């Protein structure tokens, strides 16, 4: 009897729930503000509030905590938010498959990236894909691994391109992801193209410690490489540090100041060629790390995602061959 009642309740909820309030709820969660969500959705604040209230009535539970600083999800709101992400991802997959079936490659690919791939690998692959499928929309989101991989697992991202995680990393091992290496890339030490150290006749590691440094945040795998570099050099970590994973911020800091920093070698070469940065002649820092792409192993890829991966493999092969020359 109890089981039949449960199915009855579930049927009622499924019949009453509509997609639009769910989409509104997802945007409110992303914005953490009803006013901001209303602006982005081109709706009035009362319309957004009404949609959220409809969901709360239908589910018979409070979904949001409201305060002067905005809104935050209740424990039920967190659960619903995760499910809505999955629903939106499935709808996007379905749309892409239907569009492909009707008239060739189109749709929407959402890619997460890190610095190691955002300077060469991903842009080149995107340009090749757009040359063959100009109607395909590609959205790129940059961030650290602890944001990108959970977003990939939940369906918010179709794939992640960049430095692959360590095989024994407990954070990523528990996620349903598959990682495919394309080539290996090392870190190097970079400075602005007019840095005083570039005039030194014989540059030594000791000279690096007295300059301000840009380093990855403590939760980044690259931070461990940076710390190990100073240990291996017999130096203490510099006490004048900036922590940043923003490629644009880091490049501008290096150009406009006497900061030093670590950067993936492929990215550094691009900025050195452009005359913005210089690679200090001190060799590579740390062991080479695998760069490639990550996807979910429990979900099929959309046709558009598969095509982007084909071009990632092509560009990765080109970069591997050029590095060997």
Protein backbone atom coordinates (compact mmCIF):
# COMPACT_ATOMS: atom_id res chain seq x y z
CA UNK A 1 0.00 0.00 0.00
CA UNK A 2 2.82 2.38 0.97
CA UNK A 3 4.67 1.61 -2.27
CA UNK A 4 1.56 2.29 -4.36
CA UNK A 5 1.07 5.59 -2.54
CA UNK A 6 4.68 6.54 -3.27
CA UNK A 7 4.23 5.85 -6.98
CA UNK A 8 1.03 7.88 -6.94
CA UNK A 9 2.78 10.85 -5.34
CA UNK A 10 5.65 10.58 -7.84
CA UNK A 11 3.19 10.52 -10.75
CA UNK A 12 1.47 13.65 -9.45
CA UNK A 13 4.77 15.51 -9.09
CA UNK A 14 5.99 14.47 -12.54
CA UNK A 15 2.72 15.53 -14.14
CA UNK A 16 2.76 18.93 -12.44
CA UNK A 17 6.41 19.88 -12.84
CA UNK A 18 7.15 22.10 -15.82
CA UNK A 19 10.48 22.79 -17.46
CA UNK A 20 10.38 26.60 -17.30
CA UNK A 21 10.33 26.92 -13.47
CA UNK A 22 13.19 24.41 -13.32
CA UNK A 23 15.24 26.53 -15.72
CA UNK A 24 14.45 29.65 -13.68
CA UNK A 25 15.50 27.85 -10.49
CA UNK A 26 18.79 26.78 -12.09
CA UNK A 27 19.59 30.38 -13.09
CA UNK A 28 18.76 31.67 -9.60
CA UNK A 29 21.18 29.11 -8.14
CA UNK A 30 23.92 30.18 -10.56
CA UNK A 31 23.39 33.89 -9.83
CA UNK A 32 22.65 33.50 -6.09
CA UNK A 33 20.30 36.42 -6.62
CA UNK A 34 16.71 36.66 -7.80
CA UNK A 35 17.29 40.18 -9.18
CA UNK A 36 20.35 39.14 -11.19
CA UNK A 37 18.62 36.00 -12.48
CA UNK A 38 15.64 38.11 -13.57
CA UNK A 39 17.92 40.43 -15.56
CA UNK A 40 19.70 37.55 -17.27
CA UNK A 41 16.41 35.83 -18.13
CA UNK A 42 14.77 39.10 -19.21
CA UNK A 43 11.98 38.55 -16.68
CA UNK A 44 10.59 40.64 -13.84
CA UNK A 45 11.60 39.80 -10.28
CA UNK A 46 7.97 38.91 -9.36
CA UNK A 47 7.89 36.44 -12.29
CA UNK A 48 11.07 34.74 -11.06
CA UNK A 49 9.79 34.66 -7.48
CA UNK A 50 6.48 33.18 -8.69
CA UNK A 51 8.28 30.41 -10.62
CA UNK A 52 10.32 29.46 -7.54
CA UNK A 53 7.23 29.53 -5.37
CA UNK A 54 5.41 27.23 -7.83
CA UNK A 55 8.21 24.69 -7.49
CA UNK A 56 8.16 24.91 -3.69
CA UNK A 57 4.38 24.33 -3.64
CA UNK A 58 4.55 21.43 -6.08
CA UNK A 59 7.39 19.75 -4.17
CA UNK A 60 5.98 20.77 -0.78
CA UNK A 61 9.36 21.96 0.48
CA UNK A 62 11.40 25.14 0.82
CA UNK A 63 14.12 25.39 -1.82
CA UNK A 64 15.82 28.71 -1.02
CA UNK A 65 17.02 30.63 2.00
CA UNK A 66 16.39 34.34 1.39
CA UNK A 67 18.45 37.09 3.06
CA UNK A 68 19.74 40.60 2.42
CA UNK A 69 22.75 39.33 0.48
CA UNK A 70 20.73 37.19 -1.94
CA UNK A 71 19.60 33.58 -1.84
CA UNK A 72 21.19 30.23 -1.06
CA UNK A 73 19.76 26.74 -1.55
CA UNK A 74 18.34 24.64 1.26
CA UNK A 75 19.47 21.01 1.39
CA UNK A 76 16.46 20.18 -0.80
CA UNK A 77 17.41 23.02 -3.14
CA UNK A 78 20.93 21.61 -3.49
CA UNK A 79 19.50 18.21 -4.40
CA UNK A 80 17.07 19.66 -6.94
CA UNK A 81 19.79 21.87 -8.40
CA UNK A 82 22.01 18.86 -9.12
CA UNK A 83 19.11 17.05 -10.81
CA UNK A 84 18.22 20.10 -12.89
CA UNK A 85 21.80 20.26 -14.18
CA UNK A 86 21.49 16.67 -15.35
CA UNK A 87 18.11 17.35 -16.98
CA UNK A 88 19.47 20.38 -18.87
CA UNK A 89 22.50 18.39 -20.01
CA UNK A 90 20.29 15.58 -21.32
CA UNK A 91 18.09 18.08 -23.18
CA UNK A 92 21.18 19.62 -24.76
CA UNK A 93 22.44 16.17 -25.80
CA UNK A 94 19.06 15.35 -27.32
CA UNK A 95 18.92 18.65 -29.22
CA UNK A 96 22.41 18.11 -30.63
CA UNK A 97 21.59 14.59 -31.78
CA UNK A 98 18.36 15.72 -33.46
CA UNK A 99 20.10 18.63 -35.20
CA UNK A 100 22.87 16.34 -36.42
CA UNK A 101 20.35 13.81 -37.68
CA UNK A 102 18.46 16.52 -39.56
CA UNK A 103 21.29 18.37 -41.23
CA UNK A 104 24.89 17.72 -40.30
CA UNK A 105 27.01 18.85 -37.38
CA UNK A 106 25.43 21.60 -35.31
CA UNK A 107 24.43 22.03 -31.69
CA UNK A 108 26.35 23.21 -28.65
CA UNK A 109 29.59 21.96 -27.07
CA UNK A 110 30.58 23.24 -23.61
CA UNK A 111 34.31 22.82 -22.94
CA UNK A 112 36.20 23.35 -19.71
CA UNK A 113 39.86 24.30 -20.02
CA UNK A 114 42.99 25.10 -18.06
CA UNK A 115 46.01 27.25 -18.89
CA UNK A 116 47.93 24.25 -20.25
CA UNK A 117 45.44 23.89 -23.13
CA UNK A 118 43.95 27.36 -23.56
CA UNK A 119 46.88 28.89 -25.43
CA UNK A 120 47.37 26.40 -28.28
CA UNK A 121 45.66 23.02 -28.15
CA UNK A 122 42.06 24.07 -27.66
CA UNK A 123 42.03 27.23 -29.86
CA UNK A 124 43.56 25.34 -32.81
CA UNK A 125 41.09 22.47 -32.45
CA UNK A 126 38.15 24.90 -32.21
CA UNK A 127 39.22 26.77 -35.36
CA UNK A 128 39.45 23.52 -37.31
CA UNK A 129 36.03 22.44 -36.09
CA UNK A 130 34.39 25.80 -36.86
CA UNK A 131 35.86 25.68 -40.37
CA UNK A 132 33.82 22.53 -41.03
CA UNK A 133 30.79 23.30 -38.83
CA UNK A 134 30.27 27.07 -38.61
CA UNK A 135 26.77 26.71 -37.09
CA UNK A 136 28.07 24.78 -34.11
CA UNK A 137 28.17 26.86 -30.91
CA UNK A 138 31.18 26.32 -28.66
CA UNK A 139 31.24 27.66 -25.09
CA UNK A 140 34.59 27.68 -23.25
CA UNK A 141 34.81 27.89 -19.47
CA UNK A 142 38.16 28.26 -17.74
CA UNK A 143 38.82 27.19 -14.18
CA UNK A 144 40.76 24.94 -11.79
CA UNK A 145 40.39 21.17 -11.72
CA UNK A 146 38.28 21.20 -8.56
CA UNK A 147 35.61 23.15 -10.48
CA UNK A 148 35.97 21.63 -13.94
CA UNK A 149 35.86 17.93 -13.12
CA UNK A 150 32.73 18.01 -10.91
CA UNK A 151 31.04 20.14 -13.59
CA UNK A 152 31.98 17.52 -16.17
CA UNK A 153 30.63 14.72 -13.97
CA UNK A 154 27.29 16.54 -13.51
CA UNK A 155 26.85 17.16 -17.25
CA UNK A 156 27.43 20.94 -17.17
CA UNK A 157 30.50 20.40 -19.38
CA UNK A 158 30.86 18.03 -22.31
CA UNK A 159 34.61 17.64 -21.92
CA UNK A 160 37.59 19.18 -20.13
CA UNK A 161 40.84 19.95 -21.94
CA UNK A 162 44.10 20.56 -20.11
CA UNK A 163 46.51 19.04 -17.64
CA UNK A 164 45.31 15.59 -16.65
CA UNK A 165 45.02 14.67 -12.97
CA UNK A 166 47.36 12.26 -11.21
CA UNK A 167 46.10 8.70 -11.44
CA UNK A 168 46.15 8.36 -7.65
CA UNK A 169 44.33 11.66 -7.01
CA UNK A 170 41.45 10.67 -4.66
CA UNK A 171 39.41 13.72 -5.69
CA UNK A 172 39.11 12.70 -9.34
CA UNK A 173 39.21 8.92 -8.90
CA UNK A 174 35.73 8.92 -7.37
CA UNK A 175 34.24 10.75 -10.40
CA UNK A 176 32.96 8.77 -13.43
CA UNK A 177 35.56 10.22 -15.79
CA UNK A 178 37.93 8.92 -18.45
CA UNK A 179 41.18 10.76 -19.17
CA UNK A 180 42.98 10.60 -22.51
CA UNK A 181 46.53 12.03 -22.82
CA UNK A 182 47.56 13.72 -26.08
CA UNK A 183 51.08 15.00 -25.33
CA UNK A 184 53.32 15.97 -22.42
CA UNK A 185 54.19 19.50 -21.37
CA UNK A 186 56.53 20.94 -18.75
CA UNK A 187 56.50 24.14 -16.75
CA UNK A 188 59.07 26.88 -17.25
CA UNK A 189 59.97 30.14 -15.51
CA UNK A 190 58.72 33.28 -17.24
CA UNK A 191 59.09 37.02 -16.83
CA UNK A 192 58.05 40.14 -18.70
CA UNK A 193 60.09 40.78 -21.85
CA UNK A 194 61.84 43.75 -20.16
CA UNK A 195 62.62 42.10 -16.82
CA UNK A 196 66.01 43.11 -15.32
CA UNK A 197 67.05 39.47 -14.95
CA UNK A 198 67.21 39.13 -18.73
CA UNK A 199 70.28 41.37 -18.73
CA UNK A 200 72.19 39.09 -16.34
CA UNK A 201 75.26 37.51 -17.92
CA UNK A 202 75.04 34.33 -15.84
CA UNK A 203 71.61 33.72 -14.36
CA UNK A 204 71.49 31.47 -11.30
CA UNK A 205 68.64 29.99 -9.30
CA UNK A 206 69.68 31.97 -6.23
CA UNK A 207 68.74 35.20 -8.02
CA UNK A 208 65.10 34.12 -8.36
CA UNK A 209 64.19 34.13 -4.70
CA UNK A 210 64.36 37.90 -4.22
CA UNK A 211 61.72 38.79 -6.81
CA UNK A 212 57.93 38.72 -6.44
CA UNK A 213 56.38 35.50 -7.72
CA UNK A 214 53.04 34.46 -9.18
CA UNK A 215 52.25 30.89 -8.15
CA UNK A 216 49.19 28.64 -8.47
CA UNK A 217 46.84 28.43 -5.46
CA UNK A 218 47.59 25.74 -2.84
CA UNK A 219 44.88 23.37 -4.14
CA UNK A 220 46.35 23.30 -7.66
CA UNK A 221 48.58 20.39 -8.80
CA UNK A 222 50.93 22.96 -10.34
CA UNK A 223 51.47 24.50 -6.88
CA UNK A 224 53.05 21.26 -5.68
CA UNK A 225 55.40 21.39 -8.67
CA UNK A 226 56.34 24.99 -7.82
CA UNK A 227 57.03 24.16 -4.19
CA UNK A 228 59.12 21.13 -5.17
CA UNK A 229 61.12 23.31 -7.55
CA UNK A 230 62.27 25.55 -4.70
CA UNK A 231 62.99 22.53 -2.49
CA UNK A 232 65.13 20.90 -5.19
CA UNK A 233 66.97 24.19 -5.73
CA UNK A 234 67.74 24.41 -2.01
CA UNK A 235 65.75 27.62 -1.69
CA UNK A 236 62.96 28.71 0.61
CA UNK A 237 59.63 29.69 -0.94
CA UNK A 238 59.69 33.45 -1.70
CA UNK A 239 57.78 35.54 0.82
CA UNK A 240 56.41 37.94 -1.82
CA UNK A 241 53.73 35.83 -3.53
CA UNK A 242 50.62 36.27 -5.63
CA UNK A 243 48.32 33.27 -6.11
CA UNK A 244 46.48 33.11 -9.42
CA UNK A 245 45.36 30.65 -12.09
CA UNK A 246 44.00 33.36 -14.40
CA UNK A 247 46.05 33.34 -17.59
CA UNK A 248 45.04 36.89 -18.59
CA UNK A 249 45.76 38.26 -15.10
CA UNK A 250 49.11 36.50 -14.89
CA UNK A 251 50.31 37.69 -18.29
CA UNK A 252 49.40 41.29 -17.50
CA UNK A 253 51.09 41.11 -14.10
CA UNK A 254 54.25 39.77 -15.70
CA UNK A 255 54.24 42.40 -18.44
CA UNK A 256 53.56 45.33 -16.08
CA UNK A 257 55.84 44.36 -13.17
CA UNK A 258 59.00 42.52 -12.17
CA UNK A 259 57.08 39.41 -11.13
CA UNK A 260 58.30 35.94 -12.05
CA UNK A 261 56.02 33.01 -12.64
CA UNK A 262 55.59 29.45 -13.79
CA UNK A 263 53.76 28.68 -17.03
CA UNK A 264 53.25 25.62 -19.24
CA UNK A 265 55.99 25.63 -21.84
CA UNK A 266 53.65 25.58 -24.84
CA UNK A 267 51.76 28.61 -23.53
CA UNK A 268 54.97 30.47 -22.65
CA UNK A 269 56.35 30.01 -26.16
CA UNK A 270 53.25 31.63 -27.63
CA UNK A 271 53.64 34.73 -25.45
CA UNK A 272 57.39 34.84 -26.05
CA UNK A 273 56.81 34.82 -29.81
CA UNK A 274 54.37 37.71 -29.36
CA UNK A 275 57.06 39.70 -27.53
CA UNK A 276 55.16 39.86 -24.23
CA UNK A 277 57.08 37.37 -22.10
CA UNK A 278 60.51 35.78 -21.93
CA UNK A 279 61.38 32.24 -20.86
CA UNK A 280 64.29 32.34 -18.42
CA UNK A 281 67.16 30.05 -19.53
CA UNK A 282 66.96 27.78 -16.49
CA UNK A 283 65.47 24.67 -18.03
CA UNK A 284 62.16 22.99 -17.39
CA UNK A 285 60.57 22.88 -13.96
CA UNK A 286 59.37 19.54 -12.65
CA UNK A 287 58.55 16.39 -14.62
CA UNK A 288 56.46 16.73 -17.79
CA UNK A 289 52.72 16.47 -17.15
CA UNK A 290 50.19 14.81 -19.43
CA UNK A 291 47.90 17.18 -21.34
CA UNK A 292 44.75 15.84 -22.95
CA UNK A 293 41.00 15.66 -22.58
CA UNK A 294 38.59 14.20 -20.04
CA UNK A 295 35.05 12.93 -20.63
CA UNK A 296 32.42 11.00 -18.71
CA UNK A 297 32.77 7.25 -19.10
CA UNK A 298 29.12 6.60 -18.23
CA UNK A 299 27.57 8.85 -20.90
CA UNK A 300 27.84 8.75 -24.71
CA UNK A 301 29.35 11.78 -26.42
CA UNK A 302 27.28 13.96 -28.72
CA UNK A 303 28.31 13.98 -32.40
CA UNK A 304 29.64 17.53 -32.03
CA UNK A 305 31.76 16.58 -29.02
CA UNK A 306 33.19 13.60 -30.87
CA UNK A 307 34.14 15.86 -33.77
CA UNK A 308 35.91 18.32 -31.46
CA UNK A 309 37.84 15.43 -29.90
CA UNK A 310 38.94 14.32 -33.39
CA UNK A 311 40.49 17.74 -33.94
CA UNK A 312 42.02 17.78 -30.45
CA UNK A 313 43.78 14.53 -31.35
CA UNK A 314 45.03 15.99 -34.63
CA UNK A 315 46.37 19.16 -32.99
CA UNK A 316 47.84 17.17 -30.10
CA UNK A 317 49.71 14.98 -32.58
CA UNK A 318 51.03 18.07 -34.39
CA UNK A 319 52.23 19.59 -31.11
CA UNK A 320 53.90 16.36 -30.06
CA UNK A 321 55.76 16.13 -33.36
CA UNK A 322 56.85 19.79 -33.30
CA UNK A 323 58.17 19.39 -29.74
CA UNK A 324 60.26 16.41 -30.83
CA UNK A 325 61.97 18.38 -33.61
